[in-house]
């Protein structure tokens, strides 16, 4: 292929208004085909597919992605953006006995915990027990109730995608390979950040034993739980976000931005 790009459609609330969003992401143009207008052509085709399904679109890009930053230099970017944290997986250690796997009967509790942490964040759409069940039944061979771990006041759900995929990076002649477990859902009640951390550590132990190198989780600097995530992370990747023509709401700088890693 000369170039690829894709879009993921989902609901999200920004500034108190619900929108159907298209997240345009992962543009790649082969070196020998750059500068030929392929990006615009791809976006045009994607919009034809998405326009009937969405109200608005947005774009995220790594802060050090010079090409995208140049292309978007005249568009207002948000003052706060998503942050992807990579936490090293390790050997299995003793797991807090309070940690257990969730079941469909926990749907109300899990939805409550996730909403408690992310409810005020921009681009988040609150869960109900029904929408959570639908998510966890969509592809149960990849991510379902067995991958959602609970304590009394916290929850972390992980898709162990490193069992199917390898992330290969080449830079300055060096090639690295890694296998990531992706945190798709997490949350905790106020005052229960220690329980949240115990779940992250438990997952890192499980992933390390099962051939993974990292646990990947999204947050943003103002968000609840960011301090714990940043402290555990060996690497933080900062992204910028653009939502033309929707302006950044005042609440973003206070509450942060939500990213559903399944759409990233």
Protein backbone atom coordinates (compact mmCIF):
# COMPACT_ATOMS: atom_id res chain seq x y z
CA UNK A 1 0.00 0.00 0.00
CA UNK A 2 1.06 3.57 -0.66
CA UNK A 3 -0.80 4.96 2.35
CA UNK A 4 -3.25 3.99 5.08
CA UNK A 5 -5.49 5.84 7.53
CA UNK A 6 -8.49 4.79 9.58
CA UNK A 7 -11.24 6.31 11.66
CA UNK A 8 -13.10 5.03 14.71
CA UNK A 9 -16.61 6.26 15.46
CA UNK A 10 -17.89 6.62 19.02
CA UNK A 11 -19.97 8.83 21.28
CA UNK A 12 -18.42 11.38 23.61
CA UNK A 13 -19.43 14.44 25.63
CA UNK A 14 -17.52 17.73 25.22
CA UNK A 15 -18.54 20.86 27.07
CA UNK A 16 -21.69 19.11 28.28
CA UNK A 17 -22.85 18.35 24.71
CA UNK A 18 -23.07 14.80 23.38
CA UNK A 19 -21.55 14.27 19.94
CA UNK A 20 -20.99 11.30 17.67
CA UNK A 21 -17.26 11.54 16.95
CA UNK A 22 -14.94 10.18 14.28
CA UNK A 23 -11.38 9.77 15.53
CA UNK A 24 -9.10 10.08 12.49
CA UNK A 25 -5.86 8.37 13.41
CA UNK A 26 -2.82 6.33 12.38
CA UNK A 27 -2.07 8.02 9.08
CA UNK A 28 0.88 6.38 7.35
CA UNK A 29 2.24 7.36 3.92
CA UNK A 30 5.18 5.47 2.41
CA UNK A 31 8.24 7.70 1.96
CA UNK A 32 8.27 7.51 -1.83
CA UNK A 33 4.60 8.52 -2.01
CA UNK A 34 4.67 11.51 0.33
CA UNK A 35 3.79 14.95 -1.05
CA UNK A 36 1.34 13.56 -3.60
CA UNK A 37 -1.92 14.47 -1.84
CA UNK A 38 -2.67 10.99 -0.55
CA UNK A 39 -3.52 12.23 2.95
CA UNK A 40 -6.30 14.48 1.62
CA UNK A 41 -7.59 11.71 -0.62
CA UNK A 42 -7.72 9.24 2.26
CA UNK A 43 -9.48 11.69 4.56
CA UNK A 44 -12.00 12.45 1.84
CA UNK A 45 -12.86 8.78 1.42
CA UNK A 46 -13.09 8.28 5.18
CA UNK A 47 -15.41 11.26 5.53
CA UNK A 48 -17.69 9.80 2.88
CA UNK A 49 -18.03 6.71 5.06
CA UNK A 50 -18.25 8.54 8.38
CA UNK A 51 -20.32 11.65 7.71
CA UNK A 52 -23.67 9.89 7.96
CA UNK A 53 -22.63 8.32 11.29
CA UNK A 54 -20.97 11.24 13.09
CA UNK A 55 -21.43 14.88 14.05
CA UNK A 56 -17.79 15.92 14.42
CA UNK A 57 -14.26 14.62 13.94
CA UNK A 58 -11.03 14.93 15.88
CA UNK A 59 -7.37 14.12 15.47
CA UNK A 60 -4.71 13.10 17.99
CA UNK A 61 -0.99 13.19 17.25
CA UNK A 62 2.14 12.65 19.26
CA UNK A 63 3.70 15.93 20.33
CA UNK A 64 6.96 14.95 18.63
CA UNK A 65 5.25 14.06 15.33
CA UNK A 66 6.74 16.91 13.30
CA UNK A 67 4.79 16.21 10.11
CA UNK A 68 1.35 16.34 11.76
CA UNK A 69 2.32 19.31 13.92
CA UNK A 70 3.26 21.24 10.77
CA UNK A 71 0.03 20.26 9.03
CA UNK A 72 -2.09 21.40 12.00
CA UNK A 73 -0.08 24.49 12.98
CA UNK A 74 -2.90 26.87 12.04
CA UNK A 75 -5.59 24.91 13.91
CA UNK A 76 -6.22 25.57 17.61
CA UNK A 77 -5.08 22.61 19.66
CA UNK A 78 -6.30 21.91 23.17
CA UNK A 79 -4.20 23.07 26.09
CA UNK A 80 -4.29 19.53 27.51
CA UNK A 81 -4.02 16.25 25.65
CA UNK A 82 -3.99 12.52 26.23
CA UNK A 83 -0.94 10.83 27.75
CA UNK A 84 -0.09 7.18 27.12
CA UNK A 85 1.87 5.59 29.95
CA UNK A 86 3.88 2.41 29.43
CA UNK A 87 4.44 0.50 32.67
CA UNK A 88 6.97 -2.33 32.57
CA UNK A 89 5.53 -5.78 33.08
CA UNK A 90 7.34 -7.90 35.64
CA UNK A 91 7.48 -11.20 37.40
CA UNK A 92 4.35 -12.32 39.15
CA UNK A 93 4.29 -11.20 42.76
CA UNK A 94 1.85 -11.87 45.59
CA UNK A 95 -1.56 -10.50 44.59
CA UNK A 96 -3.73 -8.72 47.11
CA UNK A 97 -6.34 -11.31 48.16
CA UNK A 98 -9.00 -8.63 47.71
CA UNK A 99 -8.42 -8.73 43.92
CA UNK A 100 -10.97 -10.83 42.04
CA UNK A 101 -12.29 -11.26 38.53
CA UNK A 102 -15.53 -9.48 37.70
CA UNK A 103 -18.65 -11.19 36.38
CA UNK A 104 -21.81 -9.95 34.62
CA UNK A 105 -23.41 -9.54 38.02
CA UNK A 106 -20.86 -6.78 38.75
CA UNK A 107 -21.95 -4.63 35.80
CA UNK A 108 -23.56 -1.91 37.91
CA UNK A 109 -20.55 -1.71 40.24
CA UNK A 110 -17.99 -1.65 37.42
CA UNK A 111 -19.91 1.05 35.54
CA UNK A 112 -20.14 3.11 38.73
CA UNK A 113 -16.38 2.87 39.40
CA UNK A 114 -15.41 3.81 35.85
CA UNK A 115 -17.89 6.71 35.75
CA UNK A 116 -16.61 7.90 39.13
CA UNK A 117 -13.11 8.45 37.73
CA UNK A 118 -13.89 9.62 34.20
CA UNK A 119 -17.33 11.21 34.45
CA UNK A 120 -16.07 14.81 34.31
CA UNK A 121 -13.43 14.23 31.61
CA UNK A 122 -13.97 15.61 28.13
CA UNK A 123 -14.77 13.07 25.37
CA UNK A 124 -16.04 10.51 27.91
CA UNK A 125 -19.48 8.93 27.48
CA UNK A 126 -20.83 7.45 30.73
CA UNK A 127 -21.36 3.71 31.03
CA UNK A 128 -24.56 2.00 32.00
CA UNK A 129 -24.68 -1.65 33.02
CA UNK A 130 -26.21 -2.37 29.61
CA UNK A 131 -23.56 -0.55 27.56
CA UNK A 132 -20.78 -2.14 29.62
CA UNK A 133 -22.24 -5.60 29.04
CA UNK A 134 -22.43 -4.91 25.31
CA UNK A 135 -18.77 -3.86 25.27
CA UNK A 136 -17.61 -6.96 27.14
CA UNK A 137 -19.69 -9.30 24.98
CA UNK A 138 -18.59 -7.79 21.65
CA UNK A 139 -15.39 -9.83 21.29
CA UNK A 140 -15.18 -12.09 24.35
CA UNK A 141 -12.18 -13.99 22.96
CA UNK A 142 -10.19 -10.73 23.26
CA UNK A 143 -11.70 -8.76 26.14
CA UNK A 144 -14.45 -9.87 28.46
CA UNK A 145 -15.32 -10.26 32.13
CA UNK A 146 -12.31 -12.50 32.85
CA UNK A 147 -10.04 -9.55 31.96
CA UNK A 148 -11.81 -7.14 34.35
CA UNK A 149 -10.27 -7.30 37.83
CA UNK A 150 -11.89 -5.76 40.89
CA UNK A 151 -11.30 -4.80 44.47
CA UNK A 152 -14.02 -3.36 46.66
CA UNK A 153 -13.42 0.18 45.40
CA UNK A 154 -11.42 -0.07 42.16
CA UNK A 155 -11.43 -1.80 38.79
CA UNK A 156 -8.95 -2.33 35.94
CA UNK A 157 -9.83 -4.14 32.70
CA UNK A 158 -7.03 -5.21 30.35
CA UNK A 159 -6.97 -6.61 26.83
CA UNK A 160 -3.78 -8.74 26.69
CA UNK A 161 -3.27 -7.84 23.04
CA UNK A 162 0.41 -8.79 23.13
CA UNK A 163 -0.72 -12.38 22.75
CA UNK A 164 -1.80 -11.52 19.18
CA UNK A 165 0.36 -8.53 18.20
CA UNK A 166 3.94 -7.28 18.36
CA UNK A 167 4.83 -3.58 18.38
CA UNK A 168 7.97 -3.07 16.24
CA UNK A 169 9.76 0.28 16.34
CA UNK A 170 12.75 1.31 14.29
CA UNK A 171 14.70 4.46 15.12
CA UNK A 172 18.26 5.48 14.33
CA UNK A 173 18.97 2.00 13.05
CA UNK A 174 17.77 0.29 16.21
CA UNK A 175 14.81 -2.10 16.16
CA UNK A 176 12.81 -2.90 19.29
CA UNK A 177 9.95 -5.35 19.78
CA UNK A 178 7.40 -5.20 22.56
CA UNK A 179 4.12 -6.82 23.57
CA UNK A 180 1.53 -4.61 25.24
CA UNK A 181 -1.42 -5.29 27.48
CA UNK A 182 -3.95 -2.48 26.93
CA UNK A 183 -5.95 -1.03 29.81
CA UNK A 184 -9.36 -0.46 28.26
CA UNK A 185 -11.36 0.39 31.39
CA UNK A 186 -10.41 1.59 34.86
CA UNK A 187 -11.77 3.58 37.76
CA UNK A 188 -11.93 3.87 41.52
CA UNK A 189 -13.81 5.64 44.28
CA UNK A 190 -12.32 8.73 45.98
CA UNK A 191 -9.66 7.68 48.44
CA UNK A 192 -9.12 4.28 46.82
CA UNK A 193 -6.08 5.11 44.69
CA UNK A 194 -4.00 2.51 46.57
CA UNK A 195 -6.45 -0.19 45.45
CA UNK A 196 -6.15 1.09 41.89
CA UNK A 197 -2.36 0.83 42.11
CA UNK A 198 -2.58 -2.72 43.50
CA UNK A 199 -4.65 -3.73 40.47
CA UNK A 200 -2.15 -2.20 38.05
CA UNK A 201 0.69 -4.05 39.79
CA UNK A 202 -1.27 -7.30 39.75
CA UNK A 203 -1.85 -6.96 36.02
CA UNK A 204 1.83 -6.15 35.40
CA UNK A 205 2.75 -9.39 37.14
CA UNK A 206 0.26 -11.45 35.12
CA UNK A 207 1.34 -9.85 31.84
CA UNK A 208 5.02 -10.46 32.54
CA UNK A 209 4.42 -14.16 33.09
CA UNK A 210 2.36 -14.34 29.89
CA UNK A 211 4.93 -12.89 27.52
CA UNK A 212 4.09 -9.18 27.65
CA UNK A 213 6.63 -6.42 28.11
CA UNK A 214 4.40 -3.46 29.04
CA UNK A 215 1.04 -2.37 30.37
CA UNK A 216 -0.31 0.55 28.31
CA UNK A 217 -2.78 2.97 29.91
CA UNK A 218 -4.12 6.39 28.89
CA UNK A 219 -4.74 9.39 31.13
CA UNK A 220 -4.08 13.15 31.01
CA UNK A 221 -2.25 15.44 33.41
CA UNK A 222 -5.27 16.96 35.21
CA UNK A 223 -7.13 13.63 35.40
CA UNK A 224 -7.93 11.60 38.48
CA UNK A 225 -5.30 8.87 38.92
CA UNK A 226 -2.68 10.51 36.70
CA UNK A 227 -0.19 10.88 39.55
CA UNK A 228 -0.19 7.16 40.29
CA UNK A 229 0.01 6.22 36.61
CA UNK A 230 2.90 8.61 35.93
CA UNK A 231 4.82 7.40 38.98
CA UNK A 232 4.63 3.76 37.83
CA UNK A 233 5.38 4.49 34.17
CA UNK A 234 8.77 4.02 32.58
CA UNK A 235 7.69 6.03 29.55
CA UNK A 236 5.10 8.77 28.97
CA UNK A 237 3.94 9.64 25.45
CA UNK A 238 2.18 13.01 25.20
CA UNK A 239 -0.39 13.60 22.47
CA UNK A 240 -2.07 16.77 21.23
CA UNK A 241 -5.72 16.88 20.25
CA UNK A 242 -7.64 18.99 17.73
CA UNK A 243 -11.46 19.11 17.50
CA UNK A 244 -12.32 21.63 14.78
CA UNK A 245 -14.79 23.32 14.79
CA UNK A 246 -15.61 22.44 18.43
CA UNK A 247 -13.64 24.68 20.79
CA UNK A 248 -11.82 23.35 23.84
CA UNK A 249 -14.25 23.61 26.78
CA UNK A 250 -13.22 25.27 30.04
CA UNK A 251 -13.43 21.98 31.91
CA UNK A 252 -10.63 20.32 29.94
CA UNK A 253 -7.81 22.04 31.81
CA UNK A 254 -9.39 21.07 35.14
CA UNK A 255 -10.66 17.54 34.51
CA UNK A 256 -8.60 16.30 31.57
CA UNK A 257 -9.35 14.35 28.40
CA UNK A 258 -10.58 10.76 28.18
CA UNK A 259 -9.21 8.28 25.65
CA UNK A 260 -10.74 4.86 25.09
CA UNK A 261 -7.70 2.84 24.08
CA UNK A 262 -9.82 0.41 22.07
CA UNK A 263 -10.40 3.29 19.60
CA UNK A 264 -6.75 4.38 19.60
